[in-house]
């Protein structure tokens, strides 16, 4: 009923099909492993960027305004900042400020809207910098009359954002520095 030649041919055919299935499975497994590795790398990068946007921000210690020589309005403010808790290094030169004061607004960057005094890179919680904003200097912001509000949104290069809103005092003296 069975011949030796038929059995050998069936066995070789089965072996070829088996090897082909193993090769296809190996290639598919390799593609899946590569895809999983790529997705893991993208997920890690996205997670790091999201974390930086939440944690890499500054903390505002104080806002001090300077009255003009007539004591009629605040002509500029100094915003004292430091690195927020849990933040990485923050380059102050890469900060942008979305400012709104006395019915006017502007987006300020270092050298064009505000100047920096102090540390230019906040790498430790003891590091401090002062963002000096002169209203109407190199920006489109109007000076603050007594009782008016200034709103600042300070954004780091990583996208971390800090919002601060301060009101000028109701009375001012000539060339007085006041805490807002």
N, C-alpha and C. Protein backbone atom coordinates (compact mmCIF):
# COMPACT_ATOMS: atom_id res chain seq x y z
N UNK A 1 0.81 -1.18 0.00
CA UNK A 1 0.00 0.00 0.00
C UNK A 1 0.86 1.26 0.00
N UNK A 2 1.83 1.36 0.86
CA UNK A 2 2.73 2.52 0.88
C UNK A 2 4.04 2.15 0.24
N UNK A 3 4.56 3.08 -0.51
CA UNK A 3 5.89 2.87 -1.07
C UNK A 3 6.85 3.82 -0.40
N UNK A 4 8.10 3.45 -0.36
CA UNK A 4 9.10 4.27 0.31
C UNK A 4 9.32 5.60 -0.40
N UNK A 5 9.16 5.65 -1.70
CA UNK A 5 9.40 6.89 -2.44
C UNK A 5 8.32 7.92 -2.17
N UNK A 6 7.05 7.47 -2.03
CA UNK A 6 5.97 8.41 -1.75
C UNK A 6 6.13 9.02 -0.36
N UNK A 7 6.52 8.27 0.57
CA UNK A 7 6.66 8.77 1.93
C UNK A 7 7.75 9.83 2.02
N UNK A 8 8.83 9.69 1.34
CA UNK A 8 9.92 10.66 1.34
C UNK A 8 9.50 11.97 0.71
N UNK A 9 8.72 11.92 -0.36
CA UNK A 9 8.28 13.13 -1.02
C UNK A 9 7.29 13.89 -0.14
N UNK A 10 6.40 13.21 0.51
CA UNK A 10 5.45 13.87 1.41
C UNK A 10 6.20 14.49 2.58
N UNK A 11 7.17 13.83 3.12
CA UNK A 11 7.95 14.34 4.25
C UNK A 11 8.73 15.59 3.88
N UNK A 12 9.33 15.63 2.68
CA UNK A 12 10.09 16.80 2.25
C UNK A 12 9.15 17.98 2.02
N UNK A 13 8.01 17.75 1.45
CA UNK A 13 7.02 18.83 1.24
C UNK A 13 6.54 19.41 2.56
N UNK A 14 6.27 18.52 3.50
CA UNK A 14 5.83 18.97 4.82
C UNK A 14 6.94 19.77 5.51
N UNK A 15 8.17 19.33 5.38
CA UNK A 15 9.31 20.03 5.96
C UNK A 15 9.46 21.42 5.35
N UNK A 16 9.30 21.54 4.04
CA UNK A 16 9.42 22.84 3.38
C UNK A 16 8.32 23.79 3.86
N UNK A 17 7.10 23.29 3.96
CA UNK A 17 5.99 24.11 4.47
C UNK A 17 6.26 24.52 5.91
N UNK A 18 6.75 23.59 6.73
CA UNK A 18 7.04 23.89 8.12
C UNK A 18 8.13 24.97 8.23
N UNK A 19 9.19 24.86 7.45
CA UNK A 19 10.28 25.85 7.47
C UNK A 19 9.74 27.21 7.02
N UNK A 20 8.91 27.23 5.99
CA UNK A 20 8.33 28.49 5.50
C UNK A 20 7.49 29.14 6.59
N UNK A 21 6.69 28.34 7.31
CA UNK A 21 5.86 28.89 8.38
C UNK A 21 6.73 29.44 9.51
N UNK A 22 7.82 28.76 9.84
CA UNK A 22 8.72 29.24 10.89
C UNK A 22 9.37 30.56 10.46
N UNK A 23 9.80 30.66 9.20
CA UNK A 23 10.40 31.90 8.70
C UNK A 23 9.41 33.05 8.73
N UNK A 24 8.18 32.82 8.30
CA UNK A 24 7.16 33.86 8.33
C UNK A 24 6.89 34.29 9.76
N UNK A 25 6.80 33.34 10.68
CA UNK A 25 6.56 33.67 12.08
C UNK A 25 7.73 34.46 12.66
N UNK A 26 8.96 34.09 12.30
CA UNK A 26 10.14 34.81 12.79
C UNK A 26 10.16 36.24 12.27
N UNK A 27 9.85 36.42 10.99
CA UNK A 27 9.83 37.77 10.41
C UNK A 27 8.73 38.61 11.08
N UNK A 28 7.56 38.02 11.26
CA UNK A 28 6.45 38.73 11.92
C UNK A 28 6.83 39.11 13.35
N UNK A 29 7.48 38.21 14.07
CA UNK A 29 7.90 38.51 15.44
C UNK A 29 8.92 39.64 15.46
N UNK A 30 9.84 39.64 14.51
CA UNK A 30 10.84 40.72 14.41
C UNK A 30 10.19 42.07 14.16
N UNK A 31 9.21 42.09 13.26
CA UNK A 31 8.49 43.33 12.96
C UNK A 31 7.75 43.82 14.21
N UNK A 32 7.10 42.90 14.91
CA UNK A 32 6.37 43.28 16.12
C UNK A 32 7.31 43.82 17.20
N UNK A 33 8.46 43.19 17.37
CA UNK A 33 9.43 43.65 18.38
C UNK A 33 9.95 45.03 18.01
N UNK A 34 10.29 45.25 16.73
CA UNK A 34 10.77 46.56 16.30
C UNK A 34 9.70 47.64 16.50
N UNK A 35 8.47 47.33 16.15
CA UNK A 35 7.37 48.28 16.31
C UNK A 35 7.15 48.59 17.79
N UNK A 36 7.19 47.59 18.63
CA UNK A 36 7.02 47.80 20.07
C UNK A 36 8.14 48.68 20.62
N UNK A 37 9.37 48.47 20.18
CA UNK A 37 10.49 49.30 20.61
C UNK A 37 10.33 50.74 20.17
N UNK A 38 9.89 50.95 18.94
CA UNK A 38 9.66 52.30 18.43
C UNK A 38 8.56 52.99 19.22
N UNK A 39 7.47 52.30 19.47
CA UNK A 39 6.37 52.89 20.24
C UNK A 39 6.78 53.21 21.67
N UNK A 40 7.62 52.35 22.26
CA UNK A 40 8.10 52.61 23.61
C UNK A 40 8.97 53.86 23.63
N UNK A 41 9.84 54.04 22.65
CA UNK A 41 10.70 55.23 22.58
C UNK A 41 9.86 56.49 22.43
N UNK A 42 8.85 56.43 21.56
CA UNK A 42 7.98 57.59 21.37
C UNK A 42 7.19 57.90 22.64
N UNK A 43 6.73 56.89 23.33
CA UNK A 43 5.97 57.09 24.57
C UNK A 43 6.85 57.71 25.65
N UNK A 44 8.09 57.27 25.75
CA UNK A 44 9.01 57.84 26.74
C UNK A 44 9.28 59.30 26.43
N UNK A 45 9.52 59.64 25.16
CA UNK A 45 9.77 61.03 24.78
C UNK A 45 8.56 61.91 25.06
N UNK A 46 7.38 61.41 24.74
CA UNK A 46 6.16 62.17 25.01
C UNK A 46 5.96 62.37 26.51
N UNK A 47 6.23 61.35 27.28
CA UNK A 47 6.11 61.44 28.73
C UNK A 47 7.07 62.46 29.32
N UNK A 48 8.31 62.47 28.84
CA UNK A 48 9.29 63.44 29.33
C UNK A 48 8.88 64.86 28.98
N UNK A 49 8.41 65.08 27.75
CA UNK A 49 7.98 66.42 27.34
C UNK A 49 6.79 66.87 28.17
N UNK A 50 5.84 65.98 28.40
CA UNK A 50 4.66 66.33 29.21
C UNK A 50 5.07 66.65 30.64
N UNK A 51 5.99 65.88 31.18
CA UNK A 51 6.46 66.11 32.53
C UNK A 51 7.17 67.46 32.64
N UNK A 52 7.98 67.80 31.65
CA UNK A 52 8.68 69.09 31.65
C UNK A 52 7.69 70.24 31.60
N UNK A 53 6.62 70.11 30.82
CA UNK A 53 5.63 71.18 30.73
C UNK A 53 4.94 71.40 32.07
N UNK A 54 4.81 70.36 32.84
CA UNK A 54 4.14 70.49 34.14
C UNK A 54 5.12 70.96 35.20
N UNK A 55 6.33 70.44 35.20
CA UNK A 55 7.26 70.72 36.30
C UNK A 55 8.27 71.82 36.01
N UNK A 56 8.72 71.99 34.78
CA UNK A 56 9.76 72.98 34.50
C UNK A 56 9.15 74.37 34.38
N UNK A 57 8.92 74.96 35.53
CA UNK A 57 8.34 76.29 35.56
C UNK A 57 9.03 77.10 36.64
N UNK A 58 8.77 78.40 36.62
CA UNK A 58 9.39 79.28 37.61
C UNK A 58 8.38 79.60 38.71
N UNK A 59 8.91 80.05 39.82
CA UNK A 59 8.07 80.51 40.92
C UNK A 59 8.37 81.99 41.11
N UNK A 60 7.32 82.80 41.21
CA UNK A 60 7.47 84.24 41.40
C UNK A 60 7.55 84.53 42.89
N UNK A 61 8.68 85.11 43.32
CA UNK A 61 8.85 85.46 44.73
C UNK A 61 8.21 86.81 45.04
N UNK A 62 8.41 87.79 44.16
CA UNK A 62 7.84 89.11 44.41
C UNK A 62 7.77 89.91 43.12
N UNK A 63 6.90 90.91 43.13
CA UNK A 63 6.79 91.86 42.02
C UNK A 63 6.87 93.25 42.64
N UNK A 64 7.88 94.02 42.22
CA UNK A 64 8.11 95.35 42.77
C UNK A 64 7.96 96.36 41.65
N UNK A 65 7.13 97.38 41.88
CA UNK A 65 6.91 98.42 40.90
C UNK A 65 7.64 99.69 41.27
N UNK A 66 7.98 100.49 40.26
CA UNK A 66 8.66 101.76 40.48
C UNK A 66 7.78 102.89 39.96
N UNK A 67 7.43 103.83 40.85
CA UNK A 67 6.60 104.97 40.46
C UNK A 67 7.44 105.97 39.68
N UNK A 68 6.79 106.73 38.81
CA UNK A 68 7.50 107.77 38.06
C UNK A 68 7.81 108.95 38.97
N UNK A 69 8.52 109.95 38.44
CA UNK A 69 8.95 111.07 39.27
C UNK A 69 7.79 111.92 39.77
N UNK A 70 6.64 111.86 39.11
CA UNK A 70 5.48 112.60 39.58
C UNK A 70 4.61 111.82 40.54
N UNK A 71 4.89 110.55 40.70
CA UNK A 71 4.09 109.70 41.58
C UNK A 71 2.70 109.42 41.02
N UNK A 72 2.55 109.57 39.70
CA UNK A 72 1.25 109.39 39.06
C UNK A 72 0.99 107.95 38.61
N UNK A 73 2.06 107.23 38.27
CA UNK A 73 1.87 105.89 37.72
C UNK A 73 3.11 105.04 37.94
N UNK A 74 2.94 103.72 37.78
CA UNK A 74 4.06 102.78 37.86
C UNK A 74 4.63 102.66 36.46
N UNK A 75 5.91 103.00 36.31
CA UNK A 75 6.53 103.00 34.98
C UNK A 75 7.26 101.70 34.65
N UNK A 76 7.44 100.84 35.64
CA UNK A 76 8.10 99.57 35.39
C UNK A 76 7.99 98.65 36.59
N UNK A 77 8.23 97.36 36.34
CA UNK A 77 8.18 96.39 37.43
C UNK A 77 9.40 95.47 37.35
N UNK A 78 9.79 94.97 38.50
CA UNK A 78 10.82 93.95 38.61
C UNK A 78 10.16 92.68 39.15
N UNK A 79 10.22 91.59 38.35
CA UNK A 79 9.63 90.32 38.75
C UNK A 79 10.76 89.41 39.20
N UNK A 80 10.78 89.09 40.49
CA UNK A 80 11.83 88.24 41.05
C UNK A 80 11.38 86.79 40.99
N UNK A 81 12.18 85.95 40.29
CA UNK A 81 11.79 84.56 40.07
C UNK A 81 12.87 83.61 40.55
N UNK A 82 12.46 82.37 40.74
CA UNK A 82 13.38 81.27 41.02
C UNK A 82 12.81 80.02 40.39
N UNK A 83 13.61 78.98 40.36
CA UNK A 83 13.18 77.70 39.79
C UNK A 83 12.12 77.08 40.69
N UNK A 84 11.05 76.58 40.08
CA UNK A 84 10.00 75.92 40.84
C UNK A 84 10.46 74.58 41.38
N UNK A 85 9.81 74.11 42.43
CA UNK A 85 10.15 72.83 43.03
C UNK A 85 9.98 71.71 42.01
N UNK A 86 10.98 70.86 41.89
CA UNK A 86 10.93 69.73 40.97
C UNK A 86 11.31 70.07 39.54
N UNK A 87 11.62 71.33 39.27
CA UNK A 87 11.96 71.74 37.91
C UNK A 87 13.41 71.39 37.58
N UNK A 88 13.65 71.21 36.29
CA UNK A 88 15.02 71.06 35.82
C UNK A 88 15.64 72.44 35.66
N UNK A 89 16.81 72.50 35.04
CA UNK A 89 17.46 73.79 34.80
C UNK A 89 16.59 74.65 33.89
N UNK A 90 16.50 75.94 34.21
CA UNK A 90 15.70 76.87 33.42
C UNK A 90 16.59 77.99 32.93
N UNK A 91 16.66 78.15 31.61
CA UNK A 91 17.42 79.23 31.00
C UNK A 91 16.52 80.45 30.92
N UNK A 92 16.85 81.48 31.69
CA UNK A 92 16.02 82.68 31.77
C UNK A 92 15.97 83.41 30.42
N UNK A 93 17.03 83.29 29.62
CA UNK A 93 17.06 83.96 28.31
C UNK A 93 16.02 83.38 27.36
N UNK A 94 15.48 82.19 27.65
CA UNK A 94 14.50 81.55 26.77
C UNK A 94 13.08 81.68 27.28
N UNK A 95 12.88 82.48 28.32
CA UNK A 95 11.54 82.70 28.88
C UNK A 95 10.79 83.68 27.99
N UNK A 96 9.48 83.46 27.84
CA UNK A 96 8.61 84.45 27.22
C UNK A 96 7.54 84.83 28.24
N UNK A 97 7.10 86.08 28.14
CA UNK A 97 6.09 86.59 29.06
C UNK A 97 4.93 87.15 28.24
N UNK A 98 3.74 86.64 28.51
CA UNK A 98 2.53 87.18 27.92
C UNK A 98 1.99 88.16 28.96
N UNK A 99 2.09 89.47 28.67
CA UNK A 99 1.77 90.48 29.67
C UNK A 99 0.54 91.28 29.26
N UNK A 100 -0.25 91.66 30.28
CA UNK A 100 -1.42 92.51 30.10
C UNK A 100 -1.39 93.56 31.19
N UNK A 101 -1.34 94.83 30.81
CA UNK A 101 -1.28 95.91 31.79
C UNK A 101 -2.03 97.13 31.27
N UNK A 102 -2.93 97.66 32.10
CA UNK A 102 -3.65 98.91 31.81
C UNK A 102 -4.29 98.91 30.42
N UNK A 103 -4.93 97.82 30.06
CA UNK A 103 -5.64 97.76 28.79
C UNK A 103 -4.76 97.49 27.59
N UNK A 104 -3.49 97.21 27.78
CA UNK A 104 -2.58 96.90 26.68
C UNK A 104 -1.93 95.55 26.93
N UNK A 105 -1.49 94.90 25.86
CA UNK A 105 -0.86 93.59 26.02
C UNK A 105 0.30 93.46 25.05
N UNK A 106 1.21 92.55 25.38
CA UNK A 106 2.37 92.30 24.53
C UNK A 106 2.98 90.97 24.95
N UNK A 107 3.68 90.34 24.02
CA UNK A 107 4.45 89.14 24.31
C UNK A 107 5.91 89.57 24.40
N UNK A 108 6.51 89.35 25.55
CA UNK A 108 7.85 89.84 25.82
C UNK A 108 8.86 88.71 25.81
N UNK A 109 10.03 88.99 25.23
CA UNK A 109 11.15 88.06 25.27
C UNK A 109 12.37 88.81 25.79
N UNK A 110 13.35 88.10 26.27
CA UNK A 110 14.54 88.72 26.82
C UNK A 110 15.20 89.60 25.77
N UNK A 111 15.49 90.85 26.13
CA UNK A 111 16.12 91.80 25.22
C UNK A 111 15.12 92.57 24.37
N UNK A 112 13.88 92.10 24.30
CA UNK A 112 12.85 92.80 23.53
C UNK A 112 11.56 92.76 24.36
N UNK A 113 11.53 93.57 25.39
CA UNK A 113 10.37 93.61 26.26
C UNK A 113 10.75 93.54 27.72
N UNK A 114 11.81 92.78 28.04
CA UNK A 114 12.31 92.76 29.40
C UNK A 114 13.81 92.46 29.39
N UNK A 115 14.47 92.85 30.46
CA UNK A 115 15.89 92.57 30.67
C UNK A 115 16.02 91.66 31.88
N UNK A 116 17.12 90.92 31.94
CA UNK A 116 17.36 90.00 33.04
C UNK A 116 18.51 90.49 33.89
N UNK A 117 18.33 90.42 35.19
CA UNK A 117 19.39 90.72 36.14
C UNK A 117 19.50 89.51 37.07
N UNK A 118 20.71 89.07 37.34
CA UNK A 118 20.91 87.90 38.21
C UNK A 118 21.33 86.70 37.39
N UNK A 119 21.01 85.52 37.90
CA UNK A 119 21.39 84.27 37.23
C UNK A 119 20.65 84.12 35.90
N UNK A 120 21.37 83.70 34.86
CA UNK A 120 20.71 83.47 33.57
C UNK A 120 20.24 82.03 33.43
N UNK A 121 20.81 81.13 34.23
CA UNK A 121 20.33 79.75 34.28
C UNK A 121 20.01 79.43 35.73
N UNK A 122 18.75 79.06 35.95
CA UNK A 122 18.32 78.69 37.30
C UNK A 122 18.48 77.18 37.43
N UNK A 123 19.58 76.77 38.07
CA UNK A 123 19.87 75.34 38.18
C UNK A 123 19.70 74.82 39.60
N UNK A 124 19.48 75.72 40.54
CA UNK A 124 19.31 75.34 41.94
C UNK A 124 18.18 76.18 42.52
N UNK A 125 17.51 75.68 43.54
CA UNK A 125 16.40 76.45 44.11
C UNK A 125 16.86 77.73 44.79
N UNK A 126 18.15 77.88 45.05
CA UNK A 126 18.65 79.12 45.65
C UNK A 126 18.99 80.16 44.58
N UNK A 127 19.03 79.78 43.30
CA UNK A 127 19.31 80.73 42.22
C UNK A 127 18.12 81.67 42.03
N UNK A 128 18.41 82.95 41.78
CA UNK A 128 17.38 83.95 41.59
C UNK A 128 17.69 84.78 40.35
N UNK A 129 16.63 85.29 39.74
CA UNK A 129 16.77 86.21 38.61
C UNK A 129 15.67 87.25 38.72
N UNK A 130 15.94 88.43 38.18
CA UNK A 130 14.96 89.50 38.15
C UNK A 130 14.66 89.84 36.71
N UNK A 131 13.38 89.81 36.36
CA UNK A 131 12.93 90.20 35.03
C UNK A 131 12.48 91.65 35.12
N UNK A 132 13.24 92.54 34.47
CA UNK A 132 12.97 93.98 34.57
C UNK A 132 12.15 94.42 33.36
N UNK A 133 10.91 94.85 33.63
CA UNK A 133 10.00 95.28 32.56
C UNK A 133 9.74 96.77 32.73
N UNK A 134 10.09 97.55 31.70
CA UNK A 134 9.80 98.98 31.69
C UNK A 134 8.62 99.18 30.75
N UNK A 135 7.50 99.66 31.28
CA UNK A 135 6.31 99.84 30.48
C UNK A 135 6.55 100.89 29.41
N UNK A 136 6.23 100.54 28.16
CA UNK A 136 6.40 101.46 27.04
C UNK A 136 7.83 101.58 26.56
N UNK A 137 8.76 100.86 27.19
CA UNK A 137 10.15 100.89 26.74
C UNK A 137 10.26 100.19 25.39
N UNK A 138 10.68 98.94 25.41
CA UNK A 138 10.76 98.16 24.16
C UNK A 138 9.55 97.24 24.02
N UNK A 139 8.43 97.65 24.63
CA UNK A 139 7.20 96.85 24.53
C UNK A 139 6.00 97.78 24.36
N UNK A 140 4.84 97.19 24.15
CA UNK A 140 3.62 97.97 23.93
C UNK A 140 2.76 98.10 25.18
N UNK A 141 3.33 97.91 26.35
CA UNK A 141 2.55 97.97 27.58
C UNK A 141 2.42 99.40 28.08
N UNK A 142 1.25 99.72 28.60
CA UNK A 142 1.00 101.05 29.17
C UNK A 142 1.34 101.04 30.65
N UNK A 143 1.78 102.20 31.15
CA UNK A 143 2.10 102.34 32.57
C UNK A 143 0.84 102.11 33.40
N UNK A 144 1.05 101.68 34.64
CA UNK A 144 -0.07 101.38 35.54
C UNK A 144 -0.44 102.61 36.37
N UNK A 145 -1.69 102.99 36.32
CA UNK A 145 -2.21 104.01 37.21
C UNK A 145 -2.45 103.36 38.57
N UNK A 146 -2.57 104.16 39.64
CA UNK A 146 -2.86 103.58 40.95
C UNK A 146 -4.12 102.71 40.90
N UNK A 147 -4.04 101.52 41.49
CA UNK A 147 -5.17 100.60 41.55
C UNK A 147 -5.33 99.69 40.34
N UNK A 148 -4.56 99.90 39.26
CA UNK A 148 -4.69 99.05 38.07
C UNK A 148 -3.93 97.74 38.25
N UNK A 149 -4.30 96.75 37.41
CA UNK A 149 -3.78 95.39 37.54
C UNK A 149 -2.83 95.08 36.38
N UNK A 150 -1.76 94.34 36.70
CA UNK A 150 -0.87 93.78 35.69
C UNK A 150 -0.96 92.26 35.81
N UNK A 151 -1.13 91.59 34.66
CA UNK A 151 -1.19 90.12 34.61
C UNK A 151 -0.04 89.62 33.76
N UNK A 152 0.67 88.63 34.28
CA UNK A 152 1.82 88.06 33.58
C UNK A 152 1.68 86.55 33.53
N UNK A 153 1.91 85.99 32.36
CA UNK A 153 2.01 84.53 32.22
C UNK A 153 3.44 84.27 31.76
N UNK A 154 4.24 83.68 32.63
CA UNK A 154 5.65 83.43 32.36
C UNK A 154 5.79 81.99 31.88
N UNK A 155 6.32 81.82 30.66
CA UNK A 155 6.42 80.50 30.04
C UNK A 155 7.89 80.15 29.80
N UNK A 156 8.31 79.00 30.31
CA UNK A 156 9.69 78.55 30.10
C UNK A 156 9.82 77.89 28.73
N UNK A 157 11.05 77.60 28.32
CA UNK A 157 11.30 76.96 27.03
C UNK A 157 10.63 75.60 26.92
N UNK A 158 10.51 74.88 28.05
CA UNK A 158 9.88 73.56 28.04
C UNK A 158 8.36 73.66 27.98
N UNK A 159 7.81 74.85 28.17
CA UNK A 159 6.36 75.03 28.11
C UNK A 159 5.70 75.15 29.46
N UNK A 160 6.48 75.07 30.54
CA UNK A 160 5.92 75.25 31.88
C UNK A 160 5.45 76.68 32.05
N UNK A 161 4.28 76.87 32.63
CA UNK A 161 3.66 78.18 32.69
C UNK A 161 3.35 78.58 34.13
N UNK A 162 3.61 79.85 34.45
CA UNK A 162 3.28 80.41 35.76
C UNK A 162 2.48 81.69 35.53
N UNK A 163 1.35 81.81 36.20
CA UNK A 163 0.49 82.99 36.06
C UNK A 163 0.54 83.80 37.34
N UNK A 164 0.71 85.12 37.19
CA UNK A 164 0.71 86.00 38.35
C UNK A 164 -0.07 87.27 37.97
N UNK A 165 -0.87 87.74 38.93
CA UNK A 165 -1.64 88.96 38.72
C UNK A 165 -1.45 89.84 39.95
N UNK A 166 -1.05 91.09 39.72
CA UNK A 166 -0.77 92.00 40.82
C UNK A 166 -1.47 93.34 40.57
N UNK A 167 -1.85 94.00 41.66
CA UNK A 167 -2.52 95.29 41.58
C UNK A 167 -1.60 96.37 42.15
N UNK A 168 -1.55 97.51 41.47
CA UNK A 168 -0.78 98.65 41.95
C UNK A 168 -1.49 99.24 43.17
N UNK A 169 -0.73 99.80 44.11
CA UNK A 169 -1.38 100.42 45.27
C UNK A 169 -2.21 101.63 44.85
N UNK A 170 -3.12 102.02 45.72
CA UNK A 170 -4.03 103.12 45.37
C UNK A 170 -3.36 104.49 45.46
N UNK A 171 -2.25 104.60 46.17
CA UNK A 171 -1.50 105.86 46.22
C UNK A 171 -0.03 105.58 45.98
N UNK A 172 0.62 106.55 45.33
CA UNK A 172 2.05 106.41 45.00
C UNK A 172 2.78 107.69 45.39
N UNK A 173 4.05 107.56 45.75
CA UNK A 173 4.93 108.70 45.98
C UNK A 173 5.95 108.77 44.86
N UNK A 174 6.58 109.94 44.71
CA UNK A 174 7.58 110.15 43.65
C UNK A 174 8.70 109.12 43.76
N UNK A 175 9.03 108.47 42.64
CA UNK A 175 10.14 107.52 42.52
C UNK A 175 10.12 106.42 43.58
N UNK A 176 8.96 106.14 44.12
CA UNK A 176 8.82 105.12 45.16
C UNK A 176 8.83 103.72 44.56
N UNK A 177 9.48 102.79 45.26
CA UNK A 177 9.39 101.38 44.89
C UNK A 177 8.37 100.74 45.79
N UNK A 178 7.37 100.09 45.17
CA UNK A 178 6.29 99.49 45.94
C UNK A 178 6.14 98.03 45.58
N UNK A 179 5.78 97.25 46.56
CA UNK A 179 5.51 95.82 46.31
C UNK A 179 4.07 95.70 45.82
N UNK A 180 3.89 95.05 44.68
CA UNK A 180 2.55 94.87 44.14
C UNK A 180 1.95 93.59 44.67
